[in-house]
Amino acid sequence: MVINMAVKILVTEDDVFLRDGLCEMLKKEGYDVVTAGTIEDAKASFLKENFNLIILDVMLPDGNGFDMCGFIRSKNEDVPILFLTACDDEVQVVRGLDAGADDYVTKPFKLLELLSRIRALLRRNKSTVYSCENIVIDINTMTVKKDGENVFVTPTEFQILSALIRNSGVIVTRAILLENIWDEGGSYIDDNTLSVHMSRLREKIGPEHIVTVRGIGYRWEDGK
């Protein structure tokens, strides 16, 4: 199995509750997350590591996101920057875009909307593709191919499939899947629904790839 390096995201947000929530959500999606609560901390992390995406709050304790955005652009012209703003005032939005931001989301926001914006920005730079034998999964475009042909999977099935294939050869417990997978309505799935989705995935992908570990969970196998 060939797996690309994890996508690394820098989240700069001074609201501890929001910052921790974003961090938890992004990690569940498989992203490598670094957080900062001030511009000073954000600059230190930015200069030390390479990021695939930067999420940046406009108002921070030691300055504003516009200046931080300008600093980032002076060092890196390509990394996508997504602003979080409590105000959708046109002047503020234009100022952020002029500073070099690629997109913005107004607080309060829906998590699924934010994830969609993140995927769109990452898609512009580089796709994260997982492949094994005859199956190719593109995380950012949410597409699956088997033997070169497109395979239709629902958004929920795609979440389950990507969770399994990212942990190839390792048991993913039912408890973990139930805590991290949600349906199209944004609600977490239940135990019976998970079983139904697994059955459908086996029909679409092939039963040899999804192994049931009785009483525990599931394991993705590359096959022979």
C-alpha atoms as a PDB file:
ATOM      1  CA  MET A   1       0.000   0.000   0.000  1.00  0.00           C
ATOM      2  CA  VAL A   2       1.325   3.451  -0.926  1.00  0.00           C
ATOM      3  CA  ILE A   3       0.254   6.356   1.311  1.00  0.00           C
ATOM      4  CA  ASN A   4       1.131  10.010   0.901  1.00  0.00           C
ATOM      5  CA  MET A   5       2.470  11.905   3.878  1.00  0.00           C
ATOM      6  CA  ALA A   6      -0.233  13.329   6.109  1.00  0.00           C
ATOM      7  CA  VAL A   7      -1.596  16.752   5.272  1.00  0.00           C
ATOM      8  CA  LYS A   8      -0.385  19.206   7.921  1.00  0.00           C
ATOM      9  CA  ILE A   9      -2.614  22.110   8.989  1.00  0.00           C
ATOM     10  CA  LEU A  10      -1.793  25.076  11.242  1.00  0.00           C
ATOM     11  CA  VAL A  11      -4.803  26.340  13.217  1.00  0.00           C
ATOM     12  CA  THR A  12      -4.340  29.817  14.731  1.00  0.00           C
ATOM     13  CA  GLU A  13      -7.264  30.667  17.021  1.00  0.00           C
ATOM     14  CA  ASP A  14      -7.278  32.252  20.487  1.00  0.00           C
ATOM     15  CA  ASP A  15     -10.637  30.795  21.548  1.00  0.00           C
ATOM     16  CA  VAL A  16      -9.509  27.656  23.368  1.00  0.00           C
ATOM     17  CA  PHE A  17     -12.856  25.869  23.030  1.00  0.00           C
ATOM     18  CA  LEU A  18     -13.064  26.516  19.284  1.00  0.00           C
ATOM     19  CA  ARG A  19      -9.385  25.734  18.735  1.00  0.00           C
ATOM     20  CA  ASP A  20      -9.614  22.391  20.544  1.00  0.00           C
ATOM     21  CA  GLY A  21     -12.814  21.530  18.689  1.00  0.00           C
ATOM     22  CA  LEU A  22     -11.262  22.264  15.310  1.00  0.00           C
ATOM     23  CA  CYS A  23      -8.162  20.292  16.230  1.00  0.00           C
ATOM     24  CA  GLU A  24     -10.195  17.253  17.253  1.00  0.00           C
ATOM     25  CA  MET A  25     -12.355  17.390  14.126  1.00  0.00           C
ATOM     26  CA  LEU A  26      -9.401  17.740  11.753  1.00  0.00           C
ATOM     27  CA  LYS A  27      -7.479  14.919  13.421  1.00  0.00           C
ATOM     28  CA  LYS A  28     -10.509  12.663  13.031  1.00  0.00           C
ATOM     29  CA  GLU A  29     -10.354  13.443   9.318  1.00  0.00           C
ATOM     30  CA  GLY A  30      -6.771  12.214   9.240  1.00  0.00           C
ATOM     31  CA  TYR A  31      -5.008  15.583   9.149  1.00  0.00           C
ATOM     32  CA  ASP A  32      -1.861  16.362  11.123  1.00  0.00           C
ATOM     33  CA  VAL A  33      -2.741  19.460  13.174  1.00  0.00           C
ATOM     34  CA  VAL A  34      -0.590  22.078  14.901  1.00  0.00           C
ATOM     35  CA  THR A  35      -2.342  24.786  16.941  1.00  0.00           C
ATOM     36  CA  ALA A  36      -1.438  28.300  18.076  1.00  0.00           C
ATOM     37  CA  GLY A  37      -3.284  30.865  20.178  1.00  0.00           C
ATOM     38  CA  THR A  38      -1.190  33.911  19.292  1.00  0.00           C
ATOM     39  CA  ILE A  39       0.589  35.363  16.285  1.00  0.00           C
ATOM     40  CA  GLU A  40       3.915  34.837  18.024  1.00  0.00           C
ATOM     41  CA  ASP A  41       3.261  31.116  18.453  1.00  0.00           C
ATOM     42  CA  ALA A  42       1.903  30.846  14.913  1.00  0.00           C
ATOM     43  CA  LYS A  43       5.021  32.480  13.448  1.00  0.00           C
ATOM     44  CA  ALA A  44       7.265  30.143  15.418  1.00  0.00           C
ATOM     45  CA  SER A  45       5.406  27.073  14.130  1.00  0.00           C
ATOM     46  CA  PHE A  46       5.246  28.409  10.576  1.00  0.00           C
ATOM     47  CA  LEU A  47       8.995  29.033  10.457  1.00  0.00           C
ATOM     48  CA  LYS A  48       9.769  25.613  11.930  1.00  0.00           C
ATOM     49  CA  GLU A  49       7.478  23.367   9.879  1.00  0.00           C
ATOM     50  CA  ASN A  50       5.988  23.062   6.404  1.00  0.00           C
ATOM     51  CA  PHE A  51       2.189  23.288   6.247  1.00  0.00           C
ATOM     52  CA  ASN A  52      -0.285  22.327   3.548  1.00  0.00           C
ATOM     53  CA  LEU A  53      -2.951  24.720   4.854  1.00  0.00           C
ATOM     54  CA  ILE A  54      -3.214  27.517   7.399  1.00  0.00           C
ATOM     55  CA  ILE A  55      -6.438  28.414   9.224  1.00  0.00           C
ATOM     56  CA  LEU A  56      -6.152  31.914  10.636  1.00  0.00           C
ATOM     57  CA  ASP A  57      -8.413  33.880  12.984  1.00  0.00           C
ATOM     58  CA  VAL A  58      -8.703  37.596  12.212  1.00  0.00           C
ATOM     59  CA  MET A  59      -8.597  38.895  15.800  1.00  0.00           C
ATOM     60  CA  LEU A  60      -5.749  37.605  17.983  1.00  0.00           C
ATOM     61  CA  PRO A  61      -4.381  38.760  21.378  1.00  0.00           C
ATOM     62  CA  ASP A  62      -1.106  40.119  20.008  1.00  0.00           C
ATOM     63  CA  GLY A  63      -2.226  41.448  16.640  1.00  0.00           C
ATOM     64  CA  ASN A  64      -4.496  40.679  13.709  1.00  0.00           C
ATOM     65  CA  GLY A  65      -4.660  37.930  11.164  1.00  0.00           C
ATOM     66  CA  PHE A  66      -4.199  40.327   8.256  1.00  0.00           C
ATOM     67  CA  ASP A  67      -0.654  41.124   9.327  1.00  0.00           C
ATOM     68  CA  MET A  68       0.065  37.448   9.954  1.00  0.00           C
ATOM     69  CA  CYS A  69      -1.264  36.633   6.503  1.00  0.00           C
ATOM     70  CA  GLY A  70       1.090  39.217   4.999  1.00  0.00           C
ATOM     71  CA  PHE A  71       3.995  37.700   6.913  1.00  0.00           C
ATOM     72  CA  ILE A  72       3.149  34.224   5.624  1.00  0.00           C
ATOM     73  CA  ARG A  73       2.894  35.460   2.054  1.00  0.00           C
ATOM     74  CA  SER A  74       6.308  37.118   2.322  1.00  0.00           C
ATOM     75  CA  LYS A  75       7.749  33.664   3.015  1.00  0.00           C
ATOM     76  CA  ASN A  76       5.445  31.361   1.075  1.00  0.00           C
ATOM     77  CA  GLU A  77       3.231  32.364  -1.856  1.00  0.00           C
ATOM     78  CA  ASP A  78       1.571  28.993  -2.355  1.00  0.00           C
ATOM     79  CA  VAL A  79       0.294  27.650   0.982  1.00  0.00           C
ATOM     80  CA  PRO A  80      -3.519  28.048   1.138  1.00  0.00           C
ATOM     81  CA  ILE A  81      -4.800  30.409   3.872  1.00  0.00           C
ATOM     82  CA  LEU A  82      -8.349  30.236   5.214  1.00  0.00           C
ATOM     83  CA  PHE A  83      -9.586  33.095   7.396  1.00  0.00           C
ATOM     84  CA  LEU A  84     -12.003  32.617  10.292  1.00  0.00           C
ATOM     85  CA  THR A  85     -13.888  35.832  10.937  1.00  0.00           C
ATOM     86  CA  ALA A  86     -16.707  36.840  13.265  1.00  0.00           C
ATOM     87  CA  CYS A  87     -17.738  39.554  10.828  1.00  0.00           C
ATOM     88  CA  ASP A  88     -18.841  39.149   7.221  1.00  0.00           C
ATOM     89  CA  ASP A  89     -18.475  42.877   6.567  1.00  0.00           C
ATOM     90  CA  GLU A  90     -17.418  43.339   2.951  1.00  0.00           C
ATOM     91  CA  VAL A  91     -14.526  45.644   3.852  1.00  0.00           C
ATOM     92  CA  GLN A  92     -13.076  43.061   6.264  1.00  0.00           C
ATOM     93  CA  VAL A  93     -13.469  40.264   3.748  1.00  0.00           C
ATOM     94  CA  VAL A  94     -11.803  42.260   0.974  1.00  0.00           C
ATOM     95  CA  ARG A  95      -8.986  43.244   3.332  1.00  0.00           C
ATOM     96  CA  GLY A  96      -8.349  39.598   4.129  1.00  0.00           C
ATOM     97  CA  LEU A  97      -8.341  38.541   0.493  1.00  0.00           C
ATOM     98  CA  ASP A  98      -6.084  41.460  -0.425  1.00  0.00           C
ATOM     99  CA  ALA A  99      -3.681  40.383   2.323  1.00  0.00           C
ATOM    100  CA  GLY A 100      -3.288  37.079   0.523  1.00  0.00           C
ATOM    101  CA  ALA A 101      -5.995  34.795   1.921  1.00  0.00           C
ATOM    102  CA  ASP A 102      -7.573  32.221  -0.385  1.00  0.00           C
ATOM    103  CA  ASP A 103     -10.939  31.908   1.358  1.00  0.00           C
ATOM    104  CA  TYR A 104     -12.825  32.833   4.509  1.00  0.00           C
ATOM    105  CA  VAL A 105     -15.521  31.356   6.747  1.00  0.00           C
ATOM    106  CA  THR A 106     -17.775  33.459   8.960  1.00  0.00           C
ATOM    107  CA  LYS A 107     -18.392  32.433  12.572  1.00  0.00           C
ATOM    108  CA  PRO A 108     -20.465  30.644  13.650  1.00  0.00           C
ATOM    109  CA  PHE A 109     -19.968  28.075  10.916  1.00  0.00           C
ATOM    110  CA  LYS A 110     -21.071  24.512  10.226  1.00  0.00           C
ATOM    111  CA  LEU A 111     -18.289  21.952  10.556  1.00  0.00           C
ATOM    112  CA  LEU A 112     -19.225  20.170   7.333  1.00  0.00           C
ATOM    113  CA  GLU A 113     -19.066  23.468   5.449  1.00  0.00           C
ATOM    114  CA  LEU A 114     -15.624  24.198   6.881  1.00  0.00           C
ATOM    115  CA  LEU A 115     -14.389  20.731   5.903  1.00  0.00           C
ATOM    116  CA  SER A 116     -15.693  21.295   2.380  1.00  0.00           C
ATOM    117  CA  ARG A 117     -13.775  24.587   2.127  1.00  0.00           C
ATOM    118  CA  ILE A 118     -10.622  22.914   3.466  1.00  0.00           C
ATOM    119  CA  ARG A 119     -10.833  20.081   0.942  1.00  0.00           C
ATOM    120  CA  ALA A 120     -11.376  22.560  -1.882  1.00  0.00           C
ATOM    121  CA  LEU A 121      -8.269  24.548  -0.933  1.00  0.00           C
ATOM    122  CA  LEU A 122      -6.137  21.442  -0.566  1.00  0.00           C
ATOM    123  CA  ARG A 123      -7.407  20.156  -3.900  1.00  0.00           C
ATOM    124  CA  ARG A 124      -5.898  23.182  -5.627  1.00  0.00           C
ATOM    125  CA  ASN A 125      -2.451  22.195  -4.449  1.00  0.00           C
ATOM    126  CA  LYS A 126      -2.198  18.437  -4.211  1.00  0.00           C
ATOM    127  CA  SER A 127      -4.475  15.448  -3.954  1.00  0.00           C
ATOM    128  CA  THR A 128      -4.017  12.955  -1.141  1.00  0.00           C
ATOM    129  CA  VAL A 129      -4.311   9.566  -2.787  1.00  0.00           C
ATOM    130  CA  TYR A 130      -4.310   6.142  -1.168  1.00  0.00           C
ATOM    131  CA  SER A 131      -3.828   3.132  -3.397  1.00  0.00           C
ATOM    132  CA  CYS A 132      -3.531  -0.615  -2.998  1.00  0.00           C
ATOM    133  CA  GLU A 133      -3.602  -3.214  -5.727  1.00  0.00           C
ATOM    134  CA  ASN A 134      -6.570  -2.382  -7.969  1.00  0.00           C
ATOM    135  CA  ILE A 135      -8.186   0.277  -5.720  1.00  0.00           C
ATOM    136  CA  VAL A 136      -7.438   4.011  -5.701  1.00  0.00           C
ATOM    137  CA  ILE A 137      -9.013   6.419  -3.193  1.00  0.00           C
ATOM    138  CA  ASP A 138      -8.650  10.199  -3.510  1.00  0.00           C
ATOM    139  CA  ILE A 139      -9.430  11.785  -0.138  1.00  0.00           C
ATOM    140  CA  ASN A 140      -9.872  15.345  -1.406  1.00  0.00           C
ATOM    141  CA  THR A 141     -12.137  14.566  -4.356  1.00  0.00           C
ATOM    142  CA  MET A 142     -13.882  11.787  -2.398  1.00  0.00           C
ATOM    143  CA  THR A 143     -13.640   9.410  -5.358  1.00  0.00           C
ATOM    144  CA  VAL A 144     -13.009   5.674  -5.500  1.00  0.00           C
ATOM    145  CA  LYS A 145     -11.806   3.623  -8.455  1.00  0.00           C
ATOM    146  CA  LYS A 146     -11.568  -0.139  -8.798  1.00  0.00           C
ATOM    147  CA  ASP A 147      -9.751  -1.612 -11.795  1.00  0.00           C
ATOM    148  CA  GLY A 148      -9.736   1.876 -13.300  1.00  0.00           C
ATOM    149  CA  GLU A 149     -13.527   2.246 -13.099  1.00  0.00           C
ATOM    150  CA  ASN A 150     -15.337   4.729 -10.851  1.00  0.00           C
ATOM    151  CA  VAL A 151     -17.140   3.163  -7.889  1.00  0.00           C
ATOM    152  CA  PHE A 152     -20.056   5.057  -6.375  1.00  0.00           C
ATOM    153  CA  VAL A 153     -19.912   5.265  -2.590  1.00  0.00           C
ATOM    154  CA  THR A 154     -21.998   7.464  -0.321  1.00  0.00           C
ATOM    155  CA  PRO A 155     -20.272  10.156   1.789  1.00  0.00           C
ATOM    156  CA  THR A 156     -20.706   7.958   4.876  1.00  0.00           C
ATOM    157  CA  GLU A 157     -19.274   4.904   3.125  1.00  0.00           C
ATOM    158  CA  PHE A 158     -16.343   7.032   1.971  1.00  0.00           C
ATOM    159  CA  GLN A 159     -15.572   8.093   5.542  1.00  0.00           C
ATOM    160  CA  ILE A 160     -15.523   4.467   6.666  1.00  0.00           C
ATOM    161  CA  LEU A 161     -13.432   3.357   3.699  1.00  0.00           C
ATOM    162  CA  SER A 162     -10.828   6.092   4.148  1.00  0.00           C
ATOM    163  CA  ALA A 163     -10.580   5.356   7.882  1.00  0.00           C
ATOM    164  CA  LEU A 164      -9.893   1.682   7.158  1.00  0.00           C
ATOM    165  CA  ILE A 165      -7.426   2.164   4.335  1.00  0.00           C
ATOM    166  CA  ARG A 166      -5.448   4.808   6.241  1.00  0.00           C
ATOM    167  CA  ASN A 167      -4.904   2.144   8.918  1.00  0.00           C
ATOM    168  CA  SER A 168      -4.125  -0.749   6.612  1.00  0.00           C
ATOM    169  CA  GLY A 169      -3.348  -3.941   8.523  1.00  0.00           C
ATOM    170  CA  VAL A 170      -4.432  -2.425  11.847  1.00  0.00           C
ATOM    171  CA  ILE A 171      -7.715  -3.187  13.612  1.00  0.00           C
ATOM    172  CA  VAL A 172     -10.102  -0.218  13.633  1.00  0.00           C
ATOM    173  CA  THR A 173     -12.611  -0.856  16.415  1.00  0.00           C
ATOM    174  CA  ARG A 174     -16.332  -0.395  15.971  1.00  0.00           C
ATOM    175  CA  ALA A 175     -16.248   2.064  18.872  1.00  0.00           C
ATOM    176  CA  ILE A 176     -13.762   4.304  17.047  1.00  0.00           C
ATOM    177  CA  LEU A 177     -15.811   4.232  13.850  1.00  0.00           C
ATOM    178  CA  LEU A 178     -19.023   5.013  15.718  1.00  0.00           C
ATOM    179  CA  GLU A 179     -17.337   7.976  17.427  1.00  0.00           C
ATOM    180  CA  ASN A 180     -15.905   9.416  14.222  1.00  0.00           C
ATOM    181  CA  ILE A 181     -18.301   8.666  11.363  1.00  0.00           C
ATOM    182  CA  TRP A 182     -21.395  10.747  10.668  1.00  0.00           C
ATOM    183  CA  ASP A 183     -24.158  10.521   8.081  1.00  0.00           C
ATOM    184  CA  GLU A 184     -25.189  13.053   5.447  1.00  0.00           C
ATOM    185  CA  GLY A 185     -27.325  14.855   8.012  1.00  0.00           C
ATOM    186  CA  GLY A 186     -24.368  15.456  10.321  1.00  0.00           C
ATOM    187  CA  SER A 187     -25.468  12.893  12.947  1.00  0.00           C
ATOM    188  CA  TYR A 188     -23.254  10.062  14.175  1.00  0.00           C
ATOM    189  CA  ILE A 189     -24.247   6.646  12.836  1.00  0.00           C
ATOM    190  CA  ASP A 190     -25.451   3.840  15.098  1.00  0.00           C
ATOM    191  CA  ASP A 191     -24.225   0.263  15.387  1.00  0.00           C
ATOM    192  CA  ASN A 192     -26.776  -1.262  13.011  1.00  0.00           C
ATOM    193  CA  THR A 193     -26.162   1.417  10.385  1.00  0.00           C
ATOM    194  CA  LEU A 194     -22.425   0.732  10.541  1.00  0.00           C
ATOM    195  CA  SER A 195     -23.042  -2.952   9.803  1.00  0.00           C
ATOM    196  CA  VAL A 196     -25.186  -2.060   6.789  1.00  0.00           C
ATOM    197  CA  HIS A 197     -22.513   0.277   5.419  1.00  0.00           C
ATOM    198  CA  MET A 198     -19.825  -2.373   5.862  1.00  0.00           C
ATOM    199  CA  SER A 199     -21.928  -4.897   3.961  1.00  0.00           C
ATOM    200  CA  ARG A 200     -22.422  -2.470   1.072  1.00  0.00           C
ATOM    201  CA  LEU A 201     -18.740  -1.573   0.974  1.00  0.00           C
ATOM    202  CA  ARG A 202     -17.802  -5.245   0.726  1.00  0.00           C
ATOM    203  CA  GLU A 203     -20.128  -5.599  -2.263  1.00  0.00           C
ATOM    204  CA  LYS A 204     -18.584  -2.572  -3.979  1.00  0.00           C
ATOM    205  CA  ILE A 205     -14.903  -2.937  -3.082  1.00  0.00           C
ATOM    206  CA  GLY A 206     -14.532  -6.663  -2.567  1.00  0.00           C
ATOM    207  CA  PRO A 207     -15.003  -8.770   0.592  1.00  0.00           C
ATOM    208  CA  GLU A 208     -11.335  -9.788   0.665  1.00  0.00           C
ATOM    209  CA  HIS A 209     -10.260  -6.268   1.644  1.00  0.00           C
ATOM    210  CA  ILE A 210     -12.489  -5.686   4.691  1.00  0.00           C
ATOM    211  CA  VAL A 211     -11.850  -8.319   7.362  1.00  0.00           C
ATOM    212  CA  THR A 212     -14.128  -8.598  10.390  1.00  0.00           C
ATOM    213  CA  VAL A 213     -12.330  -9.091  13.693  1.00  0.00           C
ATOM    214  CA  ARG A 214     -15.154 -10.657  15.667  1.00  0.00           C
ATOM    215  CA  GLY A 215     -16.223  -8.685  18.707  1.00  0.00           C
ATOM    216  CA  ILE A 216     -13.704  -5.918  18.055  1.00  0.00           C
ATOM    217  CA  GLY A 217     -13.911  -4.222  14.681  1.00  0.00           C
ATOM    218  CA  TYR A 218     -12.474  -4.333  11.164  1.00  0.00           C
ATOM    219  CA  ARG A 219      -9.124  -4.468   9.406  1.00  0.00           C
ATOM    220  CA  TRP A 220      -8.224  -3.416   5.882  1.00  0.00           C
ATOM    221  CA  GLU A 221      -6.157  -5.964   3.952  1.00  0.00           C
ATOM    222  CA  ASP A 222      -4.348  -5.104   0.719  1.00  0.00           C
ATOM    223  CA  GLY A 223      -5.015  -8.592  -0.611  1.00  0.00           C
ATOM    224  CA  LYS A 224      -2.704 -11.057  -2.321  1.00  0.00           C
END
